[in-house]
C-alpha atoms as a PDB file:
ATOM      1  CA  MET A   1     -11.943   6.729  -9.265  1.00  0.00           C
ATOM      2  CA  SER A   2     -14.355   8.756  -7.180  1.00  0.00           C
ATOM      3  CA  ASP A   3     -14.772   5.885  -4.682  1.00  0.00           C
ATOM      4  CA  LEU A   4     -11.037   5.613  -4.006  1.00  0.00           C
ATOM      5  CA  TYR A   5      -9.746   7.291  -0.851  1.00  0.00           C
ATOM      6  CA  PRO A   6      -7.094   9.689  -2.279  1.00  0.00           C
ATOM      7  CA  TYR A   7      -4.484   9.334   0.501  1.00  0.00           C
ATOM      8  CA  CYS A   8      -2.256   6.522   1.722  1.00  0.00           C
ATOM      9  CA  SER A   9      -3.844   4.794   4.708  1.00  0.00           C
ATOM     10  CA  LYS A  10      -0.416   4.415   6.349  1.00  0.00           C
ATOM     11  CA  CYS A  11       1.347   7.776   5.902  1.00  0.00           C
ATOM     12  CA  ASP A  12      -1.487  10.083   4.694  1.00  0.00           C
ATOM     13  CA  LYS A  13       0.502  11.120   1.605  1.00  0.00           C
ATOM     14  CA  GLU A  14      -1.641  11.945  -1.406  1.00  0.00           C
ATOM     15  CA  LEU A  15      -1.588   9.126  -3.947  1.00  0.00           C
ATOM     16  CA  ASN A  16      -0.314   9.773  -7.465  1.00  0.00           C
ATOM     17  CA  ASP A  17      -2.168   8.491 -10.536  1.00  0.00           C
ATOM     18  CA  LYS A  18      -0.095   5.295 -10.773  1.00  0.00           C
ATOM     19  CA  GLU A  19      -0.753   4.440  -7.134  1.00  0.00           C
ATOM     20  CA  LYS A  20      -4.465   5.159  -7.524  1.00  0.00           C
ATOM     21  CA  GLN A  21      -4.667   2.849 -10.543  1.00  0.00           C
ATOM     22  CA  LEU A  22      -2.804   0.067  -8.728  1.00  0.00           C
ATOM     23  CA  ASN A  23      -5.066   0.270  -5.671  1.00  0.00           C
ATOM     24  CA  GLU A  24      -8.156   0.393  -7.867  1.00  0.00           C
ATOM     25  CA  LYS A  25      -6.922  -2.636  -9.858  1.00  0.00           C
ATOM     26  CA  TYR A  26      -6.843  -4.714  -6.668  1.00  0.00           C
ATOM     27  CA  ASP A  27     -10.130  -3.266  -5.315  1.00  0.00           C
ATOM     28  CA  ASN A  28      -8.239  -1.644  -2.460  1.00  0.00           C
ATOM     29  CA  LEU A  29     -10.526   1.399  -2.427  1.00  0.00           C
ATOM     30  CA  PHE A  30     -10.911   2.206   1.257  1.00  0.00           C
ATOM     31  CA  TYR A  31      -7.419   1.526   2.622  1.00  0.00           C
ATOM     32  CA  PRO A  32      -5.094   2.365  -0.285  1.00  0.00           C
ATOM     33  CA  ILE A  33      -1.333   2.368   0.175  1.00  0.00           C
ATOM     34  CA  CYS A  34       1.409   4.310  -1.595  1.00  0.00           C
ATOM     35  CA  ASP A  35       4.363   2.596  -3.297  1.00  0.00           C
ATOM     36  CA  GLU A  36       6.781   3.691  -0.574  1.00  0.00           C
ATOM     37  CA  CYS A  37       4.710   2.225   2.258  1.00  0.00           C
ATOM     38  CA  LEU A  38       3.952  -0.915   0.248  1.00  0.00           C
ATOM     39  CA  THR A  39       7.666  -1.551  -0.255  1.00  0.00           C
ATOM     40  CA  LYS A  40       8.524  -0.783   3.373  1.00  0.00           C
ATOM     41  CA  HIS A  41       5.797  -2.997   4.839  1.00  0.00           C
ATOM     42  CA  THR A  42       6.459  -5.841   2.388  1.00  0.00           C
ATOM     43  CA  LYS A  43      10.129  -5.866   3.466  1.00  0.00           C
ATOM     44  CA  THR A  44       9.038  -5.945   7.116  1.00  0.00           C
ATOM     45  CA  ILE A  45       6.772  -8.945   6.492  1.00  0.00           C
ATOM     46  CA  ILE A  46       9.558 -10.789   4.666  1.00  0.00           C
ATOM     47  CA  GLU A  47      11.989 -10.087   7.517  1.00  0.00           C
ATOM     48  CA  LEU A  48       9.488 -11.363  10.096  1.00  0.00           C
ATOM     49  CA  ALA A  49       8.858 -14.516   8.055  1.00  0.00           C
ATOM     50  CA  ASN A  50      12.603 -15.131   7.779  1.00  0.00           C
ATOM     51  CA  GLU A  51      12.970 -14.806  11.555  1.00  0.00           C
ATOM     52  CA  GLN A  52      10.246 -17.413  12.056  1.00  0.00           C
ATOM     53  CA  ILE A  53      12.023 -19.816   9.688  1.00  0.00           C
ATOM     54  CA  ASP A  54      15.385 -19.476  11.464  1.00  0.00           C
END
């Protein structure tokens, strides 16, 4: 875990162990994201995609 940046790349909140493991699992070592930001930005992407469909 020493190569993982320990803060969220969006909000600068320190990552907890679960978030660190998830980011490491997907090789997201340099721009990790916390669960809160991941949820928020995923919802934004879904909303934008829905607007494009309509």
